[in-house]
Amino acid sequence: MLKISMKIYELTYIVSPESTSEEIEAKTKEIESAITSREGTILKQLNPVAKTLSYPIAKRAYGFLGVLEFNIDSEKLLEVKDILAKDKKIVRHMLIIKQAAEFKKERRTRTKVEPVSEIEKKVETKIVEEVPSEEPSEIKEKSTSKIKEIKEKVELKDIEHELDEILGE
């Protein structure tokens, strides 16, 4: 014989506003006993509290909202649903399967960084265009020193950009 694991359910119900506080407490106890008599266990309970409804339900502007969280076999849950549906004091009810929310970490994305060789090519072409009157050996020496300076600057800019992204500025 297979044993089916019990799921966690959440029942939210609205009791008629014409009910007295004693009738509301009795209704809550009645729902609890209906669940426990069918081998269910109550995990969490919020006693009914007067709430203004966002829209009228059965020509009523407010009602007493209660919440129960419980375990029960799915076969016996149908009996509890029938009891709730037949009860005239309960204006509206909603039964859901409660599941834990799975939180996923936000994936970090990498920013595309140009390879250093591409930066060197761009820098060399700019330097050559700026200083055409000098000899090639002098141009090469100046370009290497400029490349080193620009590499440092580019790296600092990248670091500052990354910091701004991280800090959200």
N, C-alpha and C. Protein backbone atom coordinates (compact mmCIF):
# COMPACT_ATOMS: atom_id res chain seq x y z
N MET A 1 0.84 -1.18 0.00
CA MET A 1 0.00 0.00 0.00
C MET A 1 0.88 1.24 0.00
N LEU A 2 0.63 2.14 -0.93
CA LEU A 2 1.40 3.37 -1.04
C LEU A 2 0.87 4.42 -0.09
N LYS A 3 1.78 5.06 0.59
CA LYS A 3 1.37 6.14 1.48
C LYS A 3 1.64 7.45 0.77
N ILE A 4 0.59 8.25 0.59
CA ILE A 4 0.71 9.53 -0.07
C ILE A 4 1.09 10.56 0.97
N SER A 5 2.12 11.34 0.65
CA SER A 5 2.54 12.37 1.61
C SER A 5 1.51 13.50 1.63
N MET A 6 1.31 14.02 2.83
CA MET A 6 0.31 15.07 2.98
C MET A 6 0.91 16.41 2.54
N LYS A 7 0.12 17.17 1.83
CA LYS A 7 0.54 18.48 1.37
C LYS A 7 0.12 19.52 2.41
N ILE A 8 0.73 20.69 2.30
CA ILE A 8 0.36 21.81 3.17
C ILE A 8 -0.63 22.68 2.40
N TYR A 9 -1.77 22.93 3.03
CA TYR A 9 -2.82 23.74 2.42
C TYR A 9 -3.03 25.00 3.25
N GLU A 10 -3.53 26.04 2.57
CA GLU A 10 -3.89 27.27 3.27
C GLU A 10 -5.34 27.59 2.93
N LEU A 11 -6.14 27.75 3.96
CA LEU A 11 -7.55 28.07 3.80
C LEU A 11 -7.76 29.51 4.28
N THR A 12 -8.29 30.34 3.39
CA THR A 12 -8.67 31.70 3.74
C THR A 12 -10.18 31.77 3.62
N TYR A 13 -10.84 32.26 4.65
CA TYR A 13 -12.31 32.28 4.63
C TYR A 13 -12.82 33.60 5.19
N ILE A 14 -14.02 33.99 4.71
CA ILE A 14 -14.67 35.21 5.19
C ILE A 14 -15.99 34.81 5.81
N VAL A 15 -16.17 35.17 7.08
CA VAL A 15 -17.40 34.88 7.81
C VAL A 15 -18.30 36.11 7.69
N SER A 16 -19.59 35.86 7.62
CA SER A 16 -20.59 36.92 7.47
C SER A 16 -20.47 37.96 8.58
N PRO A 17 -20.62 39.25 8.25
CA PRO A 17 -20.50 40.29 9.27
C PRO A 17 -21.68 40.34 10.25
N GLU A 18 -22.78 39.66 9.93
CA GLU A 18 -23.92 39.62 10.84
C GLU A 18 -23.67 38.71 12.05
N SER A 19 -22.61 37.93 12.00
CA SER A 19 -22.29 37.00 13.09
C SER A 19 -21.71 37.73 14.29
N THR A 20 -22.00 37.19 15.47
CA THR A 20 -21.43 37.74 16.69
C THR A 20 -20.04 37.15 16.90
N SER A 21 -19.29 37.70 17.83
CA SER A 21 -17.94 37.21 18.07
C SER A 21 -17.95 35.75 18.58
N GLU A 22 -18.99 35.38 19.35
CA GLU A 22 -19.09 33.99 19.81
C GLU A 22 -19.36 33.04 18.64
N GLU A 23 -20.22 33.47 17.71
CA GLU A 23 -20.51 32.63 16.55
C GLU A 23 -19.27 32.49 15.66
N ILE A 24 -18.49 33.54 15.56
CA ILE A 24 -17.27 33.49 14.74
C ILE A 24 -16.26 32.53 15.36
N GLU A 25 -16.10 32.61 16.68
CA GLU A 25 -15.19 31.68 17.37
C GLU A 25 -15.67 30.24 17.21
N ALA A 26 -16.99 30.02 17.33
CA ALA A 26 -17.54 28.68 17.16
C ALA A 26 -17.31 28.18 15.74
N LYS A 27 -17.46 29.06 14.75
CA LYS A 27 -17.25 28.67 13.35
C LYS A 27 -15.79 28.29 13.12
N THR A 28 -14.88 29.03 13.73
CA THR A 28 -13.45 28.72 13.61
C THR A 28 -13.14 27.37 14.24
N LYS A 29 -13.70 27.12 15.42
CA LYS A 29 -13.50 25.82 16.09
C LYS A 29 -14.10 24.68 15.26
N GLU A 30 -15.23 24.95 14.62
CA GLU A 30 -15.89 23.95 13.78
C GLU A 30 -15.02 23.58 12.58
N ILE A 31 -14.41 24.56 11.97
CA ILE A 31 -13.53 24.29 10.83
C ILE A 31 -12.29 23.52 11.29
N GLU A 32 -11.72 23.93 12.42
CA GLU A 32 -10.56 23.23 12.97
C GLU A 32 -10.89 21.77 13.29
N SER A 33 -12.03 21.55 13.91
CA SER A 33 -12.40 20.17 14.27
C SER A 33 -12.68 19.34 13.02
N ALA A 34 -13.23 19.96 11.96
CA ALA A 34 -13.45 19.23 10.71
C ALA A 34 -12.12 18.76 10.12
N ILE A 35 -11.10 19.56 10.25
CA ILE A 35 -9.78 19.18 9.73
C ILE A 35 -9.13 18.13 10.62
N THR A 36 -9.13 18.35 11.93
CA THR A 36 -8.45 17.41 12.84
C THR A 36 -9.18 16.06 12.92
N SER A 37 -10.50 16.05 12.76
CA SER A 37 -11.24 14.78 12.80
C SER A 37 -10.94 13.92 11.57
N ARG A 38 -10.44 14.52 10.53
CA ARG A 38 -10.08 13.79 9.32
C ARG A 38 -8.57 13.58 9.22
N GLU A 39 -7.93 13.49 10.38
CA GLU A 39 -6.50 13.20 10.53
C GLU A 39 -5.61 14.30 9.95
N GLY A 40 -6.07 15.53 9.95
CA GLY A 40 -5.26 16.65 9.52
C GLY A 40 -4.63 17.32 10.72
N THR A 41 -3.57 18.05 10.50
CA THR A 41 -2.92 18.78 11.58
C THR A 41 -2.87 20.26 11.23
N ILE A 42 -3.21 21.10 12.17
CA ILE A 42 -3.21 22.54 11.95
C ILE A 42 -1.82 23.06 12.29
N LEU A 43 -1.21 23.75 11.34
CA LEU A 43 0.14 24.26 11.52
C LEU A 43 0.15 25.71 11.97
N LYS A 44 -0.77 26.50 11.45
CA LYS A 44 -0.79 27.92 11.73
C LYS A 44 -2.23 28.41 11.67
N GLN A 45 -2.57 29.36 12.54
CA GLN A 45 -3.94 29.86 12.57
C GLN A 45 -3.94 31.35 12.86
N LEU A 46 -4.70 32.10 12.06
CA LEU A 46 -4.94 33.51 12.33
C LEU A 46 -6.43 33.65 12.57
N ASN A 47 -6.80 34.09 13.76
CA ASN A 47 -8.21 34.23 14.11
C ASN A 47 -8.88 35.27 13.21
N PRO A 48 -10.17 35.09 12.93
CA PRO A 48 -10.87 36.04 12.06
C PRO A 48 -10.84 37.47 12.61
N VAL A 49 -10.57 38.40 11.71
CA VAL A 49 -10.47 39.81 12.04
C VAL A 49 -11.38 40.57 11.08
N ALA A 50 -12.06 41.61 11.58
CA ALA A 50 -12.94 42.41 10.73
C ALA A 50 -12.12 43.15 9.68
N LYS A 51 -12.51 42.97 8.41
CA LYS A 51 -11.81 43.62 7.30
C LYS A 51 -12.83 44.24 6.36
N THR A 52 -12.48 45.39 5.80
CA THR A 52 -13.30 46.00 4.76
C THR A 52 -12.94 45.32 3.45
N LEU A 53 -13.93 44.86 2.72
CA LEU A 53 -13.70 44.13 1.48
C LEU A 53 -13.46 45.12 0.34
N SER A 54 -12.64 44.73 -0.62
CA SER A 54 -12.35 45.63 -1.73
C SER A 54 -13.54 45.77 -2.67
N TYR A 55 -14.43 44.79 -2.66
CA TYR A 55 -15.68 44.87 -3.42
C TYR A 55 -16.73 44.09 -2.64
N PRO A 56 -18.00 44.42 -2.82
CA PRO A 56 -19.05 43.73 -2.04
C PRO A 56 -19.16 42.24 -2.42
N ILE A 57 -19.29 41.43 -1.38
CA ILE A 57 -19.52 40.00 -1.57
C ILE A 57 -20.86 39.69 -0.90
N ALA A 58 -21.79 39.19 -1.67
CA ALA A 58 -23.14 38.89 -1.19
C ALA A 58 -23.76 40.13 -0.51
N LYS A 59 -23.58 41.28 -1.15
CA LYS A 59 -24.12 42.58 -0.70
C LYS A 59 -23.59 43.00 0.67
N ARG A 60 -22.36 42.58 0.98
CA ARG A 60 -21.74 42.95 2.25
C ARG A 60 -20.43 43.69 1.97
N ALA A 61 -20.22 44.79 2.66
CA ALA A 61 -19.02 45.61 2.42
C ALA A 61 -17.83 45.18 3.28
N TYR A 62 -18.08 44.44 4.35
CA TYR A 62 -16.99 43.94 5.17
C TYR A 62 -17.34 42.55 5.70
N GLY A 63 -16.33 41.88 6.25
CA GLY A 63 -16.52 40.54 6.80
C GLY A 63 -15.37 40.23 7.74
N PHE A 64 -15.41 39.04 8.31
CA PHE A 64 -14.37 38.60 9.24
C PHE A 64 -13.48 37.60 8.51
N LEU A 65 -12.22 37.99 8.29
CA LEU A 65 -11.27 37.21 7.51
C LEU A 65 -10.42 36.35 8.43
N GLY A 66 -10.40 35.04 8.17
CA GLY A 66 -9.59 34.11 8.95
C GLY A 66 -8.72 33.27 8.03
N VAL A 67 -7.59 32.78 8.56
CA VAL A 67 -6.65 31.99 7.77
C VAL A 67 -6.21 30.78 8.59
N LEU A 68 -6.19 29.61 7.93
CA LEU A 68 -5.70 28.37 8.54
C LEU A 68 -4.68 27.74 7.61
N GLU A 69 -3.60 27.25 8.17
CA GLU A 69 -2.61 26.50 7.40
C GLU A 69 -2.56 25.10 8.02
N PHE A 70 -2.70 24.07 7.19
CA PHE A 70 -2.82 22.72 7.74
C PHE A 70 -2.33 21.66 6.77
N ASN A 71 -2.09 20.46 7.31
CA ASN A 71 -1.75 19.25 6.53
C ASN A 71 -2.95 18.33 6.54
N ILE A 72 -3.24 17.70 5.41
CA ILE A 72 -4.31 16.70 5.35
C ILE A 72 -4.13 15.90 4.06
N ASP A 73 -4.64 14.67 4.07
CA ASP A 73 -4.63 13.86 2.86
C ASP A 73 -5.54 14.50 1.82
N SER A 74 -5.14 14.38 0.55
CA SER A 74 -5.92 15.01 -0.52
C SER A 74 -7.32 14.40 -0.64
N GLU A 75 -7.46 13.12 -0.29
CA GLU A 75 -8.78 12.46 -0.36
C GLU A 75 -9.74 13.06 0.68
N LYS A 76 -9.22 13.33 1.86
CA LYS A 76 -10.07 13.84 2.94
C LYS A 76 -10.29 15.35 2.81
N LEU A 77 -9.50 15.99 1.98
CA LEU A 77 -9.67 17.43 1.76
C LEU A 77 -11.02 17.72 1.09
N LEU A 78 -11.47 16.81 0.24
CA LEU A 78 -12.76 17.00 -0.43
C LEU A 78 -13.91 17.10 0.57
N GLU A 79 -13.84 16.33 1.65
CA GLU A 79 -14.87 16.39 2.68
C GLU A 79 -14.87 17.76 3.37
N VAL A 80 -13.70 18.30 3.63
CA VAL A 80 -13.58 19.62 4.26
C VAL A 80 -14.14 20.68 3.32
N LYS A 81 -13.85 20.56 2.03
CA LYS A 81 -14.37 21.50 1.04
C LYS A 81 -15.90 21.49 1.02
N ASP A 82 -16.48 20.31 1.10
CA ASP A 82 -17.94 20.19 1.11
C ASP A 82 -18.55 20.89 2.32
N ILE A 83 -17.92 20.72 3.47
CA ILE A 83 -18.41 21.37 4.70
C ILE A 83 -18.38 22.89 4.53
N LEU A 84 -17.30 23.41 3.98
CA LEU A 84 -17.17 24.86 3.79
C LEU A 84 -18.20 25.38 2.78
N ALA A 85 -18.43 24.63 1.73
CA ALA A 85 -19.36 25.07 0.68
C ALA A 85 -20.80 25.09 1.19
N LYS A 86 -21.15 24.17 2.07
CA LYS A 86 -22.53 24.09 2.56
C LYS A 86 -22.84 25.08 3.68
N ASP A 87 -21.82 25.59 4.32
CA ASP A 87 -22.01 26.50 5.46
C ASP A 87 -22.46 27.88 4.97
N LYS A 88 -23.60 28.35 5.45
CA LYS A 88 -24.17 29.63 5.02
C LYS A 88 -23.50 30.83 5.69
N LYS A 89 -22.86 30.63 6.85
CA LYS A 89 -22.19 31.73 7.55
C LYS A 89 -20.87 32.11 6.86
N ILE A 90 -20.27 31.17 6.13
CA ILE A 90 -19.03 31.47 5.42
C ILE A 90 -19.41 32.02 4.05
N VAL A 91 -19.13 33.31 3.87
CA VAL A 91 -19.52 34.00 2.64
C VAL A 91 -18.64 33.58 1.47
N ARG A 92 -17.34 33.46 1.70
CA ARG A 92 -16.39 33.10 0.65
C ARG A 92 -15.24 32.35 1.27
N HIS A 93 -14.70 31.37 0.55
CA HIS A 93 -13.50 30.67 1.03
C HIS A 93 -12.59 30.36 -0.16
N MET A 94 -11.31 30.25 0.12
CA MET A 94 -10.31 29.93 -0.90
C MET A 94 -9.31 28.96 -0.29
N LEU A 95 -9.07 27.88 -0.99
CA LEU A 95 -8.16 26.84 -0.52
C LEU A 95 -7.04 26.70 -1.54
N ILE A 96 -5.80 26.85 -1.10
CA ILE A 96 -4.66 26.73 -2.02
C ILE A 96 -3.64 25.76 -1.45
N ILE A 97 -2.81 25.21 -2.35
CA ILE A 97 -1.69 24.38 -1.93
C ILE A 97 -0.53 25.32 -1.67
N LYS A 98 0.01 25.24 -0.48
CA LYS A 98 1.09 26.15 -0.09
C LYS A 98 2.43 25.51 -0.44
N GLN A 99 3.26 26.25 -1.17
CA GLN A 99 4.59 25.76 -1.53
C GLN A 99 5.61 26.83 -1.19
N ALA A 100 6.76 26.39 -0.79
CA ALA A 100 7.82 27.33 -0.45
C ALA A 100 8.34 27.99 -1.72
N ALA A 101 8.56 29.26 -1.66
CA ALA A 101 9.08 30.00 -2.80
C ALA A 101 10.57 29.70 -2.95
N GLU A 102 11.00 29.50 -4.18
CA GLU A 102 12.40 29.25 -4.45
C GLU A 102 13.03 30.56 -4.90
N PHE A 103 14.03 30.97 -4.15
CA PHE A 103 14.71 32.20 -4.49
C PHE A 103 15.96 31.85 -5.28
N LYS A 104 16.08 32.47 -6.43
CA LYS A 104 17.26 32.25 -7.25
C LYS A 104 18.11 33.50 -7.21
N LYS A 105 19.41 33.28 -7.14
CA LYS A 105 20.31 34.41 -7.14
C LYS A 105 20.31 35.03 -8.53
N GLU A 106 20.45 36.33 -8.55
CA GLU A 106 20.52 37.02 -9.82
C GLU A 106 21.88 36.72 -10.43
N ARG A 107 21.85 36.32 -11.69
CA ARG A 107 23.09 35.97 -12.36
C ARG A 107 23.89 37.22 -12.67
N ARG A 108 25.16 37.13 -12.42
CA ARG A 108 26.04 38.24 -12.75
C ARG A 108 26.45 38.11 -14.20
N THR A 109 26.46 39.21 -14.89
CA THR A 109 26.88 39.19 -16.28
C THR A 109 28.20 39.93 -16.40
N ARG A 110 28.99 39.47 -17.31
CA ARG A 110 30.27 40.11 -17.52
C ARG A 110 30.13 41.18 -18.58
N THR A 111 30.84 42.26 -18.37
CA THR A 111 30.86 43.28 -19.40
C THR A 111 31.94 42.91 -20.40
N LYS A 112 31.65 43.15 -21.65
CA LYS A 112 32.60 42.78 -22.68
C LYS A 112 33.74 43.78 -22.68
N VAL A 113 34.96 43.28 -22.48
CA VAL A 113 36.14 44.12 -22.43
C VAL A 113 36.95 43.84 -23.68
N GLU A 114 37.41 44.90 -24.31
CA GLU A 114 38.23 44.73 -25.50
C GLU A 114 39.57 44.15 -25.11
N PRO A 115 40.11 43.25 -25.92
CA PRO A 115 41.44 42.72 -25.63
C PRO A 115 42.48 43.84 -25.71
N VAL A 116 43.54 43.69 -24.96
CA VAL A 116 44.58 44.70 -24.90
C VAL A 116 45.19 44.92 -26.28
N SER A 117 45.32 43.86 -27.06
CA SER A 117 45.92 44.00 -28.39
C SER A 117 45.09 44.94 -29.27
N GLU A 118 43.76 44.90 -29.15
CA GLU A 118 42.89 45.81 -29.91
C GLU A 118 43.12 47.25 -29.48
N ILE A 119 43.27 47.48 -28.19
CA ILE A 119 43.50 48.81 -27.67
C ILE A 119 44.85 49.32 -28.17
N GLU A 120 45.89 48.45 -28.16
CA GLU A 120 47.20 48.84 -28.64
C GLU A 120 47.15 49.26 -30.10
N LYS A 121 46.41 48.51 -30.93
CA LYS A 121 46.30 48.84 -32.34
C LYS A 121 45.67 50.21 -32.53
N LYS A 122 44.60 50.48 -31.79
CA LYS A 122 43.93 51.77 -31.90
C LYS A 122 44.86 52.90 -31.47
N VAL A 123 45.59 52.68 -30.38
CA VAL A 123 46.49 53.70 -29.87
C VAL A 123 47.62 53.96 -30.85
N GLU A 124 48.20 52.90 -31.41
CA GLU A 124 49.30 53.06 -32.37
C GLU A 124 48.86 53.85 -33.58
N THR A 125 47.69 53.55 -34.11
CA THR A 125 47.23 54.28 -35.29
C THR A 125 47.01 55.75 -34.96
N LYS A 126 46.50 56.07 -33.80
CA LYS A 126 46.29 57.46 -33.41
C LYS A 126 47.62 58.18 -33.27
N ILE A 127 48.60 57.55 -32.65
CA ILE A 127 49.90 58.18 -32.44
C ILE A 127 50.60 58.40 -33.76
N VAL A 128 50.57 57.44 -34.64
CA VAL A 128 51.21 57.56 -35.94
C VAL A 128 50.57 58.69 -36.73
N GLU A 129 49.26 58.81 -36.64
CA GLU A 129 48.58 59.88 -37.35
C GLU A 129 48.94 61.24 -36.77
N GLU A 130 49.18 61.32 -35.48
CA GLU A 130 49.47 62.59 -34.84
C GLU A 130 50.91 63.07 -35.10
N VAL A 131 51.88 62.15 -35.22
CA VAL A 131 53.29 62.53 -35.33
C VAL A 131 53.91 61.95 -36.61
N PRO A 132 53.59 62.42 -37.78
CA PRO A 132 54.16 61.86 -38.99
C PRO A 132 55.53 62.43 -39.35
N SER A 133 55.95 63.55 -38.79
CA SER A 133 57.20 64.21 -39.18
C SER A 133 58.44 63.55 -38.55
N GLU A 134 58.30 62.72 -37.56
CA GLU A 134 59.45 62.13 -36.88
C GLU A 134 59.85 60.82 -37.55
N GLU A 135 61.02 60.34 -37.18
CA GLU A 135 61.52 59.09 -37.74
C GLU A 135 60.78 57.91 -37.11
N PRO A 136 60.74 56.78 -37.80
CA PRO A 136 59.99 55.62 -37.31
C PRO A 136 60.46 55.08 -35.96
N SER A 137 61.75 55.11 -35.68
CA SER A 137 62.24 54.60 -34.40
C SER A 137 61.74 55.47 -33.25
N GLU A 138 61.75 56.80 -33.48
CA GLU A 138 61.26 57.72 -32.46
C GLU A 138 59.75 57.54 -32.25
N ILE A 139 59.05 57.32 -33.34
CA ILE A 139 57.59 57.11 -33.26
C ILE A 139 57.31 55.86 -32.43
N LYS A 140 58.08 54.80 -32.69
CA LYS A 140 57.85 53.54 -31.99
C LYS A 140 58.10 53.71 -30.49
N GLU A 141 59.17 54.40 -30.10
CA GLU A 141 59.46 54.63 -28.69
C GLU A 141 58.34 55.43 -28.02
N LYS A 142 57.91 56.49 -28.70
CA LYS A 142 56.85 57.32 -28.14
C LYS A 142 55.54 56.54 -28.05
N SER A 143 55.30 55.74 -29.08
CA SER A 143 54.03 55.00 -29.08
C SER A 143 53.99 53.97 -27.96
N THR A 144 55.11 53.31 -27.68
CA THR A 144 55.11 52.33 -26.60
C THR A 144 54.91 53.01 -25.25
N SER A 145 55.55 54.18 -25.07
CA SER A 145 55.36 54.88 -23.80
C SER A 145 53.92 55.39 -23.68
N LYS A 146 53.35 55.87 -24.79
CA LYS A 146 51.97 56.34 -24.78
C LYS A 146 51.02 55.16 -24.54
N ILE A 147 51.33 54.01 -25.13
CA ILE A 147 50.48 52.84 -24.95
C ILE A 147 50.44 52.46 -23.47
N LYS A 148 51.59 52.48 -22.82
CA LYS A 148 51.62 52.16 -21.40
C LYS A 148 50.78 53.13 -20.60
N GLU A 149 50.89 54.43 -20.91
CA GLU A 149 50.10 55.43 -20.22
C GLU A 149 48.60 55.20 -20.45
N ILE A 150 48.24 54.94 -21.70
CA ILE A 150 46.83 54.75 -22.04
C ILE A 150 46.29 53.47 -21.43
N LYS A 151 47.13 52.41 -21.39
CA LYS A 151 46.71 51.17 -20.75
C LYS A 151 46.32 51.44 -19.30
N GLU A 152 47.17 52.20 -18.62
CA GLU A 152 46.87 52.53 -17.23
C GLU A 152 45.58 53.32 -17.14
N LYS A 153 45.41 54.27 -18.03
CA LYS A 153 44.21 55.08 -18.01
C LYS A 153 42.99 54.23 -18.30
N VAL A 154 43.07 53.37 -19.28
CA VAL A 154 41.94 52.52 -19.64
C VAL A 154 41.59 51.61 -18.48
N GLU A 155 42.58 51.07 -17.85
CA GLU A 155 42.31 50.18 -16.73
C GLU A 155 41.66 50.93 -15.58
N LEU A 156 42.11 52.14 -15.33
CA LEU A 156 41.49 52.94 -14.27
C LEU A 156 40.05 53.26 -14.62
N LYS A 157 39.80 53.60 -15.89
CA LYS A 157 38.43 53.89 -16.31
C LYS A 157 37.55 52.67 -16.14
N ASP A 158 38.08 51.50 -16.53
CA ASP A 158 37.31 50.27 -16.37
C ASP A 158 37.00 50.00 -14.91
N ILE A 159 38.00 50.23 -14.07
CA ILE A 159 37.79 49.99 -12.64
C ILE A 159 36.72 50.95 -12.09
N GLU A 160 36.83 52.23 -12.48
CA GLU A 160 35.83 53.19 -12.03
C GLU A 160 34.44 52.82 -12.53
N HIS A 161 34.36 52.39 -13.77
CA HIS A 161 33.07 51.99 -14.35
C HIS A 161 32.48 50.80 -13.59
N GLU A 162 33.31 49.82 -13.30
CA GLU A 162 32.85 48.65 -12.56
C GLU A 162 32.38 49.05 -11.16
N LEU A 163 33.12 49.93 -10.51
CA LEU A 163 32.71 50.39 -9.17
C LEU A 163 31.36 51.10 -9.23
N ASP A 164 31.18 51.92 -10.24
CA ASP A 164 29.90 52.61 -10.38
C ASP A 164 28.75 51.63 -10.57
N GLU A 165 28.99 50.58 -11.37
CA GLU A 165 27.95 49.57 -11.56
C GLU A 165 27.63 48.84 -10.27
N ILE A 166 28.67 48.49 -9.54
CA ILE A 166 28.48 47.74 -8.29
C ILE A 166 27.74 48.59 -7.26
N LEU A 167 28.16 49.85 -7.15
CA LEU A 167 27.54 50.74 -6.16
C LEU A 167 26.20 51.28 -6.63
N GLY A 168 25.88 51.06 -7.89
CA GLY A 168 24.58 51.49 -8.41
C GLY A 168 24.47 52.99 -8.59
N GLU A 169 25.54 53.65 -8.91
CA GLU A 169 25.50 55.10 -9.12
C GLU A 169 25.29 55.41 -10.57
